[in-house]
Amino acid sequence: MWLNSKRDFKGAVDDYWAALQLGGSRPLPELFGRAGAAFDFGPATLKPLMERVEEELEAL
């Protein structure tokens, strides 16, 4: 979600709130999906995130 917020802050916040409104009524993968995030911790998901974290740290 942080990475999504870097691309589209308002959209990421809207998606986050929509997921929160579902509460615990849905399975975790569905909550992640509604928040605009993949429930996947594999290389294809984490690599872009880690690259962006590196960029942010280098900018400090």
PDB file of N, CA and C in Angstrom:
ATOM      1  N   MET A   1       0.814  -1.179   0.000  1.00  0.00           N
ATOM      2  CA  MET A   1       0.000   0.000   0.000  1.00  0.00           C
ATOM      3  C   MET A   1       0.868   1.256   0.000  1.00  0.00           C
ATOM      4  N   TRP A   2       1.995   1.190   0.681  1.00  0.00           N
ATOM      5  CA  TRP A   2       2.890   2.352   0.668  1.00  0.00           C
ATOM      6  C   TRP A   2       3.342   2.653  -0.757  1.00  0.00           C
ATOM      7  N   LEU A   3       3.714   1.607  -1.481  1.00  0.00           N
ATOM      8  CA  LEU A   3       4.155   1.801  -2.854  1.00  0.00           C
ATOM      9  C   LEU A   3       3.020   2.352  -3.706  1.00  0.00           C
ATOM     10  N   ASN A   4       1.815   1.856  -3.508  1.00  0.00           N
ATOM     11  CA  ASN A   4       0.652   2.397  -4.225  1.00  0.00           C
ATOM     12  C   ASN A   4       0.448   3.866  -3.895  1.00  0.00           C
ATOM     13  N   SER A   5       0.682   4.238  -2.643  1.00  0.00           N
ATOM     14  CA  SER A   5       0.489   5.639  -2.255  1.00  0.00           C
ATOM     15  C   SER A   5       1.506   6.556  -2.923  1.00  0.00           C
ATOM     16  N   LYS A   6       2.678   6.019  -3.268  1.00  0.00           N
ATOM     17  CA  LYS A   6       3.675   6.819  -3.964  1.00  0.00           C
ATOM     18  C   LYS A   6       3.247   7.096  -5.406  1.00  0.00           C
ATOM     19  N   ARG A   7       2.446   6.201  -5.978  1.00  0.00           N
ATOM     20  CA  ARG A   7       1.955   6.370  -7.350  1.00  0.00           C
ATOM     21  C   ARG A   7       0.686   7.211  -7.393  1.00  0.00           C
ATOM     22  N   ASP A   8      -0.226   6.934  -6.437  1.00  0.00           N
ATOM     23  CA  ASP A   8      -1.543   7.587  -6.418  1.00  0.00           C
ATOM     24  C   ASP A   8      -2.023   7.645  -4.976  1.00  0.00           C
ATOM     25  N   PHE A   9      -1.666   8.716  -4.284  1.00  0.00           N
ATOM     26  CA  PHE A   9      -1.951   8.810  -2.849  1.00  0.00           C
ATOM     27  C   PHE A   9      -3.444   8.703  -2.566  1.00  0.00           C
ATOM     28  N   LYS A  10      -4.245   9.513  -3.231  1.00  0.00           N
ATOM     29  CA  LYS A  10      -5.685   9.506  -2.963  1.00  0.00           C
ATOM     30  C   LYS A  10      -6.293   8.145  -3.264  1.00  0.00           C
ATOM     31  N   GLY A  11      -5.920   7.542  -4.374  1.00  0.00           N
ATOM     32  CA  GLY A  11      -6.442   6.229  -4.726  1.00  0.00           C
ATOM     33  C   GLY A  11      -6.055   5.176  -3.702  1.00  0.00           C
ATOM     34  N   ALA A  12      -4.821   5.225  -3.218  1.00  0.00           N
ATOM     35  CA  ALA A  12      -4.357   4.261  -2.215  1.00  0.00           C
ATOM     36  C   ALA A  12      -5.122   4.422  -0.907  1.00  0.00           C
ATOM     37  N   VAL A  13      -5.346   5.653  -0.502  1.00  0.00           N
ATOM     38  CA  VAL A  13      -6.105   5.895   0.734  1.00  0.00           C
ATOM     39  C   VAL A  13      -7.551   5.439   0.556  1.00  0.00           C
ATOM     40  N   ASP A  14      -8.143   5.724  -0.575  1.00  0.00           N
ATOM     41  CA  ASP A  14      -9.520   5.271  -0.836  1.00  0.00           C
ATOM     42  C   ASP A  14      -9.612   3.745  -0.788  1.00  0.00           C
ATOM     43  N   ASP A  15      -8.648   3.067  -1.411  1.00  0.00           N
ATOM     44  CA  ASP A  15      -8.633   1.606  -1.396  1.00  0.00           C
ATOM     45  C   ASP A  15      -8.443   1.076   0.015  1.00  0.00           C
ATOM     46  N   TYR A  16      -7.581   1.714   0.784  1.00  0.00           N
ATOM     47  CA  TYR A  16      -7.332   1.304   2.168  1.00  0.00           C
ATOM     48  C   TYR A  16      -8.607   1.415   2.995  1.00  0.00           C
ATOM     49  N   TRP A  17      -9.299   2.537   2.870  1.00  0.00           N
ATOM     50  CA  TRP A  17     -10.539   2.723   3.624  1.00  0.00           C
ATOM     51  C   TRP A  17     -11.605   1.722   3.199  1.00  0.00           C
ATOM     52  N   ALA A  18     -11.654   1.420   1.927  1.00  0.00           N
ATOM     53  CA  ALA A  18     -12.630   0.430   1.447  1.00  0.00           C
ATOM     54  C   ALA A  18     -12.333  -0.943   2.065  1.00  0.00           C
ATOM     55  N   ALA A  19     -11.059  -1.282   2.172  1.00  0.00           N
ATOM     56  CA  ALA A  19     -10.683  -2.550   2.804  1.00  0.00           C
ATOM     57  C   ALA A  19     -11.028  -2.538   4.289  1.00  0.00           C
ATOM     58  N   LEU A  20     -10.778  -1.422   4.956  1.00  0.00           N
ATOM     59  CA  LEU A  20     -11.105  -1.329   6.378  1.00  0.00           C
ATOM     60  C   LEU A  20     -12.597  -1.508   6.624  1.00  0.00           C
ATOM     61  N   GLN A  21     -13.413  -1.015   5.710  1.00  0.00           N
ATOM     62  CA  GLN A  21     -14.862  -1.138   5.875  1.00  0.00           C
ATOM     63  C   GLN A  21     -15.321  -2.592   5.824  1.00  0.00           C
ATOM     64  N   LEU A  22     -14.540  -3.453   5.191  1.00  0.00           N
ATOM     65  CA  LEU A  22     -14.878  -4.876   5.158  1.00  0.00           C
ATOM     66  C   LEU A  22     -14.577  -5.548   6.494  1.00  0.00           C
ATOM     67  N   GLY A  23     -13.714  -4.919   7.276  1.00  0.00           N
ATOM     68  CA  GLY A  23     -13.368  -5.468   8.583  1.00  0.00           C
ATOM     69  C   GLY A  23     -12.835  -6.872   8.466  1.00  0.00           C
ATOM     70  N   GLY A  24     -13.195  -7.704   9.413  1.00  0.00           N
ATOM     71  CA  GLY A  24     -12.741  -9.093   9.404  1.00  0.00           C
ATOM     72  C   GLY A  24     -13.723 -10.021   8.713  1.00  0.00           C
ATOM     73  N   SER A  25     -14.594  -9.445   7.896  1.00  0.00           N
ATOM     74  CA  SER A  25     -15.646 -10.245   7.266  1.00  0.00           C
ATOM     75  C   SER A  25     -15.179 -11.018   6.039  1.00  0.00           C
ATOM     76  N   ARG A  26     -13.992 -10.738   5.551  1.00  0.00           N
ATOM     77  CA  ARG A  26     -13.494 -11.355   4.321  1.00  0.00           C
ATOM     78  C   ARG A  26     -12.146 -12.008   4.592  1.00  0.00           C
ATOM     79  N   PRO A  27     -11.752 -12.982   3.792  1.00  0.00           N
ATOM     80  CA  PRO A  27     -10.426 -13.598   3.950  1.00  0.00           C
ATOM     81  C   PRO A  27      -9.315 -12.590   3.646  1.00  0.00           C
ATOM     82  N   LEU A  28      -8.173 -12.817   4.250  1.00  0.00           N
ATOM     83  CA  LEU A  28      -7.049 -11.893   4.108  1.00  0.00           C
ATOM     84  C   LEU A  28      -6.678 -11.585   2.666  1.00  0.00           C
ATOM     85  N   PRO A  29      -6.574 -12.568   1.774  1.00  0.00           N
ATOM     86  CA  PRO A  29      -6.229 -12.228   0.389  1.00  0.00           C
ATOM     87  C   PRO A  29      -7.229 -11.259  -0.248  1.00  0.00           C
ATOM     88  N   GLU A  30      -8.491 -11.388   0.117  1.00  0.00           N
ATOM     89  CA  GLU A  30      -9.498 -10.478  -0.426  1.00  0.00           C
ATOM     90  C   GLU A  30      -9.355  -9.079   0.168  1.00  0.00           C
ATOM     91  N   LEU A  31      -9.042  -8.996   1.452  1.00  0.00           N
ATOM     92  CA  LEU A  31      -8.825  -7.685   2.077  1.00  0.00           C
ATOM     93  C   LEU A  31      -7.618  -6.986   1.452  1.00  0.00           C
ATOM     94  N   PHE A  32      -6.548  -7.715   1.251  1.00  0.00           N
ATOM     95  CA  PHE A  32      -5.370  -7.142   0.591  1.00  0.00           C
ATOM     96  C   PHE A  32      -5.742  -6.645  -0.801  1.00  0.00           C
ATOM     97  N   GLY A  33      -6.462  -7.476  -1.552  1.00  0.00           N
ATOM     98  CA  GLY A  33      -6.866  -7.097  -2.899  1.00  0.00           C
ATOM     99  C   GLY A  33      -7.704  -5.836  -2.914  1.00  0.00           C
ATOM    100  N   ARG A  34      -8.638  -5.735  -1.974  1.00  0.00           N
ATOM    101  CA  ARG A  34      -9.496  -4.543  -1.920  1.00  0.00           C
ATOM    102  C   ARG A  34      -8.679  -3.300  -1.581  1.00  0.00           C
ATOM    103  N   ALA A  35      -7.594  -3.499  -0.833  1.00  0.00           N
ATOM    104  CA  ALA A  35      -6.716  -2.381  -0.478  1.00  0.00           C
ATOM    105  C   ALA A  35      -5.728  -2.061  -1.598  1.00  0.00           C
ATOM    106  N   GLY A  36      -5.793  -2.812  -2.686  1.00  0.00           N
ATOM    107  CA  GLY A  36      -4.903  -2.544  -3.809  1.00  0.00           C
ATOM    108  C   GLY A  36      -3.544  -3.201  -3.673  1.00  0.00           C
ATOM    109  N   ALA A  37      -3.452  -4.197  -2.814  1.00  0.00           N
ATOM    110  CA  ALA A  37      -2.176  -4.891  -2.596  1.00  0.00           C
ATOM    111  C   ALA A  37      -2.360  -6.379  -2.866  1.00  0.00           C
ATOM    112  N   ALA A  38      -1.301  -6.997  -3.305  1.00  0.00           N
ATOM    113  CA  ALA A  38      -1.336  -8.441  -3.541  1.00  0.00           C
ATOM    114  C   ALA A  38      -0.976  -9.176  -2.257  1.00  0.00           C
ATOM    115  N   PHE A  39      -1.697 -10.236  -1.963  1.00  0.00           N
ATOM    116  CA  PHE A  39      -1.360 -11.083  -0.824  1.00  0.00           C
ATOM    117  C   PHE A  39      -0.349 -12.109  -1.325  1.00  0.00           C
ATOM    118  N   ASP A  40       0.837 -11.606  -1.602  1.00  0.00           N
ATOM    119  CA  ASP A  40       1.889 -12.403  -2.218  1.00  0.00           C
ATOM    120  C   ASP A  40       3.222 -11.841  -1.737  1.00  0.00           C
ATOM    121  N   PHE A  41       4.043 -12.699  -1.210  1.00  0.00           N
ATOM    122  CA  PHE A  41       5.323 -12.251  -0.685  1.00  0.00           C
ATOM    123  C   PHE A  41       6.489 -12.838  -1.477  1.00  0.00           C
ATOM    124  N   GLY A  42       6.226 -13.126  -2.741  1.00  0.00           N
ATOM    125  CA  GLY A  42       7.251 -13.668  -3.620  1.00  0.00           C
ATOM    126  C   GLY A  42       8.085 -12.563  -4.251  1.00  0.00           C
ATOM    127  N   PRO A  43       9.111 -12.955  -4.987  1.00  0.00           N
ATOM    128  CA  PRO A  43      10.033 -11.987  -5.602  1.00  0.00           C
ATOM    129  C   PRO A  43       9.356 -10.994  -6.543  1.00  0.00           C
ATOM    130  N   ALA A  44       8.351 -11.431  -7.291  1.00  0.00           N
ATOM    131  CA  ALA A  44       7.703 -10.523  -8.241  1.00  0.00           C
ATOM    132  C   ALA A  44       6.984  -9.382  -7.529  1.00  0.00           C
ATOM    133  N   THR A  45       6.531  -9.637  -6.317  1.00  0.00           N
ATOM    134  CA  THR A  45       5.844  -8.602  -5.549  1.00  0.00           C
ATOM    135  C   THR A  45       6.830  -7.757  -4.741  1.00  0.00           C
ATOM    136  N   LEU A  46       7.798  -8.421  -4.128  1.00  0.00           N
ATOM    137  CA  LEU A  46       8.701  -7.703  -3.232  1.00  0.00           C
ATOM    138  C   LEU A  46       9.809  -6.927  -3.939  1.00  0.00           C
ATOM    139  N   LYS A  47      10.224  -7.373  -5.113  1.00  0.00           N
ATOM    140  CA  LYS A  47      11.328  -6.691  -5.809  1.00  0.00           C
ATOM    141  C   LYS A  47      11.026  -5.213  -6.090  1.00  0.00           C
ATOM    142  N   PRO A  48       9.872  -4.873  -6.696  1.00  0.00           N
ATOM    143  CA  PRO A  48       9.600  -3.448  -6.928  1.00  0.00           C
ATOM    144  C   PRO A  48       9.520  -2.643  -5.631  1.00  0.00           C
ATOM    145  N   LEU A  49       8.996  -3.256  -4.586  1.00  0.00           N
ATOM    146  CA  LEU A  49       8.923  -2.579  -3.299  1.00  0.00           C
ATOM    147  C   LEU A  49      10.319  -2.299  -2.756  1.00  0.00           C
ATOM    148  N   MET A  50      11.186  -3.296  -2.775  1.00  0.00           N
ATOM    149  CA  MET A  50      12.537  -3.125  -2.251  1.00  0.00           C
ATOM    150  C   MET A  50      13.339  -2.119  -3.084  1.00  0.00           C
ATOM    151  N   GLU A  51      13.126  -2.116  -4.387  1.00  0.00           N
ATOM    152  CA  GLU A  51      13.801  -1.126  -5.225  1.00  0.00           C
ATOM    153  C   GLU A  51      13.378   0.288  -4.843  1.00  0.00           C
ATOM    154  N   ARG A  52      12.103   0.467  -4.575  1.00  0.00           N
ATOM    155  CA  ARG A  52      11.619   1.805  -4.188  1.00  0.00           C
ATOM    156  C   ARG A  52      12.116   2.198  -2.808  1.00  0.00           C
ATOM    157  N   VAL A  53      12.183   1.240  -1.900  1.00  0.00           N
ATOM    158  CA  VAL A  53      12.723   1.522  -0.566  1.00  0.00           C
ATOM    159  C   VAL A  53      14.179   1.959  -0.687  1.00  0.00           C
ATOM    160  N   GLU A  54      14.949   1.282  -1.524  1.00  0.00           N
ATOM    161  CA  GLU A  54      16.348   1.671  -1.741  1.00  0.00           C
ATOM    162  C   GLU A  54      16.437   3.100  -2.271  1.00  0.00           C
ATOM    163  N   GLU A  55      15.586   3.442  -3.239  1.00  0.00           N
ATOM    164  CA  GLU A  55      15.587   4.803  -3.785  1.00  0.00           C
ATOM    165  C   GLU A  55      15.282   5.823  -2.695  1.00  0.00           C
ATOM    166  N   GLU A  56      14.298   5.516  -1.864  1.00  0.00           N
ATOM    167  CA  GLU A  56      13.935   6.441  -0.783  1.00  0.00           C
ATOM    168  C   GLU A  56      15.087   6.616   0.203  1.00  0.00           C
ATOM    169  N   LEU A  57      15.756   5.519   0.539  1.00  0.00           N
ATOM    170  CA  LEU A  57      16.875   5.604   1.483  1.00  0.00           C
ATOM    171  C   LEU A  57      18.047   6.375   0.881  1.00  0.00           C
ATOM    172  N   GLU A  58      18.308   6.162  -0.380  1.00  0.00           N
ATOM    173  CA  GLU A  58      19.403   6.884  -1.039  1.00  0.00           C
ATOM    174  C   GLU A  58      19.133   8.389  -1.110  1.00  0.00           C
ATOM    175  N   ALA A  59      17.866   8.754  -1.142  1.00  0.00           N
ATOM    176  CA  ALA A  59      17.503  10.162  -1.234  1.00  0.00           C
ATOM    177  C   ALA A  59      17.646  10.885   0.104  1.00  0.00           C
ATOM    178  N   LEU A  60      17.814  10.144   1.178  1.00  0.00           N
ATOM    179  CA  LEU A  60      17.944  10.774   2.505  1.00  0.00           C
ATOM    180  C   LEU A  60      19.275  11.440   2.699  1.00  0.00           C
TER     181      LEU A  60
END
